[in-house]
Structures are given as structure tokens and as C-alpha cells.
Amino acid sequence: VEFLVDGLLTDAGFAMMYGAPGTGKSFLAIDIALSVAHGMPWQGQEVKAGPVLYIAGEGIGGFGKRWKAWEKYHGVKDEPDMYLLPTAVNFREPEDIARLVATIDGIGQRFALVIVDTVARAIAGAEENSSTDMGLFVAACDEIKALTGGALLAVHHAGKDSSRGARGSTALLGAVDTSLMVGKSDDIVVLRTEKMKDAEPMDEINLIMQTVPASISETSVVLERTDEKPKKKKAWRPTGAIKRALQVFENLCVDRGSPKV
């Protein structure tokens, strides 16, 4: 197996990275994109350098700031081989895909990596639980991947219960070669490989969020690999006045014959 990012993304594979809102998915995607575009190791893992196309379907608000902060932190000044498309492309619409193909042809690059951020914006108007609608998205991803000759990473949201996987139809999980789950506890981002079709999944990676300057007046966050483990959250137990109030309420329920809370 040939890797684009050693142990994480195969060089011509179809991958999904999903997680709940606020877990750092886009920070991770930008981190991977800039590492490949600059030809620098990603969190200690070797990469194959190559052009990157980032489809920012949720807009580019804050993207430039994150980009500057990443380059300042890593001490790079060269222009990366990275192209940013600051609008959503509907992967269910043949006209949108045709325009995307024309854009890629116009650039004249065989991209090593295409990132679609997010799946929800790329299938706007679709029923996410529909295997048919998700199948159209998968088919379009395969077309773009075949055109560019590189890997494609789709950034997706977790369902309401993140422990039960990505949102929507399982047709996407069935289609991808690699599935990555992103979680977060305090300032520790956890990246776990849940599916790796053609190789052994790599061990769980923990990344700490570091606040760094992006410019004279702005800061942003970069990710740094760490051995630090996420802290386990303690179960909430009522104390003091809250505990006494709950006891009074429970006694009242018992007195009136209502079920215990």
C-alpha cells in the first residue's frame, strides 16, 4: 500500500473524517492539507508532497487566519502548492461537477489530495439517510478522484450520538477506504482510525490545541501531537441545595403516588 500520509491516508484512496461540531475537524483537515502542500511531515508521519485542492463548502471565514498561524508556527515562508475553492460544490448536480472538472482542468494540476469540507454542504438539499443520495455523492467523489489521480478526504459530521458513527446513510462508510473519527476533551483532540481497508489501522493519535499568533492582532489554533491523554469527565452528582431539592421532589412524587424520578 502506498501512503500519501504515512499510516493515515493512502495515496489514491477515498477517506472520511467525521466528528461532532467543535471537535477540530477543520483544523485537522487544514493541518493535513498544508503538510502535503508544503511537503512537510504531518505530526511526525511522512507525507508525499503534492498539490492540494481544498473545497471549503462552509466558507472561508477564519481560513486565512488559520493558514497564517500554521505557517508561522512551522516556520515556513514558501508558497504551498495549495488551491482553495471558497464555495460549496453540489456533488449531486451534474452541472456543478462539470464546472468543478473544468476548474481542475483549467488549473492543469494532478492533485495529490482533494478535501471536501463538509459532506453536508456538498449534498445540500439531499436526504442524508438516503442511500441513493449518498450514492450520488460517492460516485461524484470517485469521478473527481479518477480525474486528479490522488486521494480524496471528505469531512463529515457525526450523528446525534457520536459513538454510533457518522451522520446519515451507511453507504458512505461502505464506500470509503479509510474512516477517521475525531473527538475532543478540553484542549486534546483525539484522532482514531476506525476503518483502514488495505492496511493495519494506526494507533490513536492525541493532539493538543495550541493558541499561536496569526498576525500582530490575531491568534489562531494549531495542533501538536502529544502523549498527554484526554481527561475522563466525572459524572455529575448533585450536592448541597440541589441535592436537598431533588430529595424533596422525589419524596413528593412518592407521597402522591407518582413514579420515582
Protein backbone atom coordinates (compact mmCIF):
# COMPACT_ATOMS: atom_id res chain seq x y z
CA VAL A 1 0.00 0.00 0.00
CA GLU A 2 1.31 3.45 -0.94
CA PHE A 3 0.51 6.21 1.53
CA LEU A 4 0.01 9.92 1.00
CA VAL A 5 0.25 10.46 4.77
CA ASP A 6 2.08 7.51 6.30
CA GLY A 7 -0.31 5.21 8.14
CA LEU A 8 -3.25 7.61 7.75
CA LEU A 9 -4.27 8.28 4.12
CA THR A 10 -3.48 6.09 1.12
CA ASP A 11 -2.21 7.97 -1.91
CA ALA A 12 -5.21 7.27 -4.15
CA GLY A 13 -7.79 6.36 -1.53
CA PHE A 14 -11.21 7.67 -0.56
CA ALA A 15 -11.31 8.71 3.10
CA MET A 16 -13.86 10.17 5.50
CA MET A 17 -13.08 12.12 8.66
CA TYR A 18 -16.05 12.75 10.94
CA GLY A 19 -16.80 14.13 14.38
CA ALA A 20 -19.21 16.22 16.40
CA PRO A 21 -19.26 20.02 15.95
CA GLY A 22 -16.37 21.77 17.67
CA THR A 23 -14.06 18.77 17.81
CA GLY A 24 -11.46 20.31 15.50
CA LYS A 25 -12.23 18.54 12.19
CA SER A 26 -11.44 21.57 10.03
CA PHE A 27 -8.24 22.34 11.98
CA LEU A 28 -7.16 18.76 11.30
CA ALA A 29 -8.09 18.96 7.62
CA ILE A 30 -6.13 22.21 7.20
CA ASP A 31 -3.19 20.69 9.09
CA ILE A 32 -3.12 17.70 6.73
CA ALA A 33 -3.65 19.86 3.62
CA LEU A 34 -0.81 22.27 4.40
CA SER A 35 1.56 19.45 5.36
CA VAL A 36 1.02 17.74 1.98
CA ALA A 37 1.12 21.04 0.04
CA HIS A 38 4.40 22.05 1.74
CA GLY A 39 5.84 18.52 1.63
CA MET A 40 6.38 18.52 5.40
CA PRO A 41 5.79 15.60 7.80
CA TRP A 42 2.33 15.59 9.34
CA GLN A 43 2.53 15.16 13.12
CA GLY A 44 5.65 13.00 12.75
CA GLN A 45 4.26 10.95 9.84
CA GLU A 46 5.99 11.19 6.46
CA VAL A 47 3.97 12.60 3.55
CA LYS A 48 4.22 12.62 -0.22
CA ALA A 49 4.35 16.24 -1.33
CA GLY A 50 1.83 17.32 -3.92
CA PRO A 51 -0.77 19.90 -4.92
CA VAL A 52 -3.88 20.11 -2.73
CA LEU A 53 -7.37 21.33 -3.64
CA TYR A 54 -9.45 22.37 -0.62
CA ILE A 55 -13.20 22.81 -1.28
CA ALA A 56 -14.34 24.99 1.63
CA GLY A 57 -18.08 24.44 1.39
CA GLU A 58 -18.76 26.18 4.70
CA GLY A 59 -16.95 29.33 3.55
CA ILE A 60 -13.50 30.70 4.22
CA GLY A 61 -14.22 32.74 7.33
CA GLY A 62 -11.15 32.32 9.51
CA PHE A 63 -9.39 30.10 6.96
CA GLY A 64 -6.69 32.67 6.13
CA LYS A 65 -6.00 33.24 9.82
CA ARG A 66 -5.57 29.51 10.43
CA TRP A 67 -3.32 29.22 7.39
CA LYS A 68 -1.07 32.09 8.57
CA ALA A 69 -0.89 30.71 12.11
CA TRP A 70 0.10 27.26 10.79
CA GLU A 71 2.91 28.67 8.63
CA LYS A 72 4.21 30.94 11.41
CA TYR A 73 4.22 28.05 13.89
CA HIS A 74 6.04 25.73 11.49
CA GLY A 75 8.43 28.42 10.29
CA VAL A 76 7.68 28.12 6.58
CA LYS A 77 7.69 31.04 4.15
CA ASP A 78 7.45 29.29 0.78
CA GLU A 79 4.11 29.35 -1.04
CA PRO A 80 2.43 25.95 -0.67
CA ASP A 81 1.07 24.13 -3.71
CA MET A 82 -2.47 24.60 -2.42
CA TYR A 83 -5.65 25.81 -4.10
CA LEU A 84 -8.68 26.98 -2.15
CA LEU A 85 -12.19 26.86 -3.63
CA PRO A 86 -14.19 29.16 -1.33
CA THR A 87 -17.65 27.88 -2.18
CA ALA A 88 -19.69 24.71 -1.94
CA VAL A 89 -19.95 22.33 -4.89
CA ASN A 90 -23.12 20.23 -5.02
CA PHE A 91 -21.85 16.74 -5.74
CA ARG A 92 -25.37 15.59 -6.65
CA GLU A 93 -25.70 18.06 -9.51
CA PRO A 94 -24.02 17.12 -12.83
CA GLU A 95 -23.68 20.81 -13.74
CA ASP A 96 -21.73 21.55 -10.55
CA ILE A 97 -19.45 18.56 -11.09
CA ALA A 98 -18.90 19.62 -14.71
CA ARG A 99 -17.85 23.10 -13.50
CA LEU A 100 -15.53 21.54 -10.92
CA VAL A 101 -13.96 19.31 -13.57
CA ALA A 102 -13.48 22.35 -15.84
CA THR A 103 -11.87 24.25 -12.94
CA ILE A 104 -9.46 21.38 -12.24
CA ASP A 105 -8.62 21.07 -15.94
CA GLY A 106 -8.03 24.83 -16.07
CA ILE A 107 -5.57 24.68 -13.17
CA GLY A 108 -3.70 21.94 -15.01
CA GLN A 109 -2.59 20.03 -11.89
CA ARG A 110 -2.94 16.40 -10.91
CA PHE A 111 -3.85 16.93 -7.28
CA ALA A 112 -2.33 14.67 -4.65
CA LEU A 113 -5.26 15.43 -2.34
CA VAL A 114 -8.75 16.90 -2.67
CA ILE A 115 -10.57 17.83 0.56
CA VAL A 116 -14.35 18.26 0.62
CA ASP A 117 -15.36 20.22 3.74
CA THR A 118 -18.15 19.29 4.50
CA VAL A 119 -20.26 16.43 3.14
CA ALA A 120 -23.43 18.22 4.28
CA ARG A 121 -22.63 21.25 2.11
CA ALA A 122 -21.65 19.00 -0.81
CA ILE A 123 -25.08 17.31 -0.82
CA ALA A 124 -27.24 20.34 0.03
CA GLY A 125 -30.92 19.54 -0.38
CA ALA A 126 -30.35 15.79 -0.17
CA GLU A 127 -31.72 13.32 2.33
CA GLU A 128 -28.60 12.24 4.20
CA ASN A 129 -30.19 8.96 5.27
CA SER A 130 -30.93 8.06 1.65
CA SER A 131 -28.51 5.53 0.20
CA THR A 132 -29.44 6.85 -3.27
CA ASP A 133 -28.47 10.45 -2.47
CA MET A 134 -25.31 9.37 -0.68
CA GLY A 135 -24.54 7.08 -3.61
CA LEU A 136 -24.58 10.10 -5.95
CA PHE A 137 -22.07 11.83 -3.69
CA VAL A 138 -19.82 8.76 -3.67
CA ALA A 139 -19.99 8.45 -7.47
CA ALA A 140 -19.01 12.11 -7.89
CA CYS A 141 -16.11 11.67 -5.45
CA ASP A 142 -14.90 8.68 -7.47
CA GLU A 143 -15.08 10.78 -10.66
CA ILE A 144 -13.02 13.61 -9.14
CA LYS A 145 -10.56 11.15 -7.64
CA ALA A 146 -10.08 9.44 -11.00
CA LEU A 147 -9.57 12.81 -12.70
CA THR A 148 -6.94 14.04 -10.26
CA GLY A 149 -5.22 10.70 -9.66
CA GLY A 150 -4.88 11.39 -5.95
CA ALA A 151 -6.68 10.91 -2.64
CA LEU A 152 -9.98 12.45 -1.58
CA LEU A 153 -10.86 13.29 2.02
CA ALA A 154 -14.48 14.07 2.90
CA VAL A 155 -15.07 15.93 6.18
CA HIS A 156 -18.37 14.86 7.73
CA HIS A 157 -20.46 15.37 10.86
CA ALA A 158 -21.18 12.71 13.45
CA GLY A 159 -24.75 11.75 14.22
CA LYS A 160 -26.59 12.92 17.34
CA ASP A 161 -24.88 10.10 19.22
CA SER A 162 -21.29 10.41 18.01
CA SER A 163 -20.46 6.97 19.41
CA ARG A 164 -22.72 5.49 16.72
CA GLY A 165 -20.69 6.86 13.84
CA ALA A 166 -21.08 9.38 11.04
CA ARG A 167 -24.37 11.04 10.22
CA GLY A 168 -26.64 9.71 7.50
CA SER A 169 -26.62 6.65 5.28
CA THR A 170 -24.01 3.96 5.89
CA ALA A 171 -23.47 3.91 2.11
CA LEU A 172 -20.66 6.42 2.66
CA LEU A 173 -18.92 4.30 5.29
CA GLY A 174 -19.21 1.29 2.98
CA ALA A 175 -17.63 3.21 0.10
CA VAL A 176 -14.61 4.75 1.83
CA ASP A 177 -11.24 3.04 2.18
CA THR A 178 -10.48 4.89 5.41
CA SER A 179 -12.73 6.22 8.17
CA LEU A 180 -11.29 8.56 10.80
CA MET A 181 -13.17 9.61 13.94
CA VAL A 182 -12.35 12.92 15.65
CA GLY A 183 -13.18 13.52 19.30
CA LYS A 184 -12.21 16.21 21.78
CA SER A 185 -11.83 16.57 25.53
CA ASP A 186 -10.86 20.02 26.82
CA ASP A 187 -7.94 21.02 24.56
CA ILE A 188 -6.99 17.48 23.49
CA VAL A 189 -8.15 16.35 20.03
CA VAL A 190 -8.27 12.57 19.55
CA LEU A 191 -7.94 11.04 16.08
CA ARG A 192 -8.91 7.38 15.80
CA THR A 193 -8.74 5.19 12.68
CA GLU A 194 -11.96 3.15 12.62
CA LYS A 195 -11.52 1.62 9.16
CA MET A 196 -8.44 1.05 7.03
CA LYS A 197 -9.27 -1.13 4.06
CA ASP A 198 -5.86 -2.15 2.79
CA ALA A 199 -3.54 -1.78 5.79
CA GLU A 200 -3.36 -2.01 9.55
CA PRO A 201 -5.02 0.97 11.26
CA MET A 202 -2.55 3.23 13.01
CA ASP A 203 -2.71 3.78 16.75
CA GLU A 204 -4.88 6.53 18.19
CA ILE A 205 -3.29 9.98 17.94
CA ASN A 206 -3.71 12.71 20.57
CA LEU A 207 -3.17 16.32 19.54
CA ILE A 208 -3.11 19.34 21.81
CA MET A 209 -4.61 22.63 20.64
CA GLN A 210 -2.03 25.42 20.88
CA THR A 211 -3.03 29.09 20.62
CA VAL A 212 -0.48 30.90 18.48
CA PRO A 213 -0.25 34.33 16.77
CA ALA A 214 -1.53 34.59 13.20
CA SER A 215 -0.67 38.29 12.85
CA ILE A 216 0.02 41.30 15.07
CA SER A 217 -3.59 41.44 16.26
CA GLU A 218 -4.91 37.93 15.65
CA THR A 219 -4.42 34.48 17.10
CA SER A 220 -5.49 31.04 15.96
CA VAL A 221 -5.02 27.40 16.90
CA VAL A 222 -2.56 24.80 15.64
CA LEU A 223 -2.35 21.13 16.55
CA GLU A 224 0.68 19.45 18.08
CA ARG A 225 1.00 15.73 18.75
CA THR A 226 1.18 14.86 22.43
CA ASP A 227 1.46 11.88 24.74
CA GLU A 228 -0.99 13.59 27.07
CA LYS A 229 -4.24 11.66 27.46
CA PRO A 230 -7.69 13.26 27.48
CA LYS A 231 -9.10 13.61 30.97
CA LYS A 232 -12.07 11.44 31.77
CA LYS A 233 -15.05 13.56 32.66
CA LYS A 234 -16.50 12.84 36.06
CA ALA A 235 -20.18 12.04 36.32
CA TRP A 236 -22.18 14.94 37.72
CA ARG A 237 -23.57 14.35 41.19
CA PRO A 238 -25.89 16.83 42.89
CA THR A 239 -24.69 18.37 46.14
CA GLY A 240 -25.91 20.89 48.69
CA ALA A 241 -29.18 22.70 47.97
CA ILE A 242 -29.67 20.93 44.61
CA LYS A 243 -29.39 17.52 46.25
CA ARG A 244 -31.86 18.50 49.00
CA ALA A 245 -34.32 19.93 46.44
CA LEU A 246 -34.20 16.73 44.40
CA GLN A 247 -34.81 14.66 47.54
CA VAL A 248 -37.85 16.82 48.45
CA PHE A 249 -39.20 16.44 44.91
CA GLU A 250 -38.69 12.66 44.96
CA ASN A 251 -40.47 12.39 48.33
CA LEU A 252 -43.36 14.45 46.95
CA CYS A 253 -43.65 12.13 43.97
CA VAL A 254 -43.77 9.11 46.29
CA ASP A 255 -46.41 10.74 48.52
CA ARG A 256 -48.64 11.44 45.50
CA GLY A 257 -48.15 8.01 44.00
CA SER A 258 -46.16 9.27 41.03
CA PRO A 259 -43.25 7.22 39.67
CA LYS A 260 -39.90 7.93 41.28
CA VAL A 261 -37.57 10.21 39.32
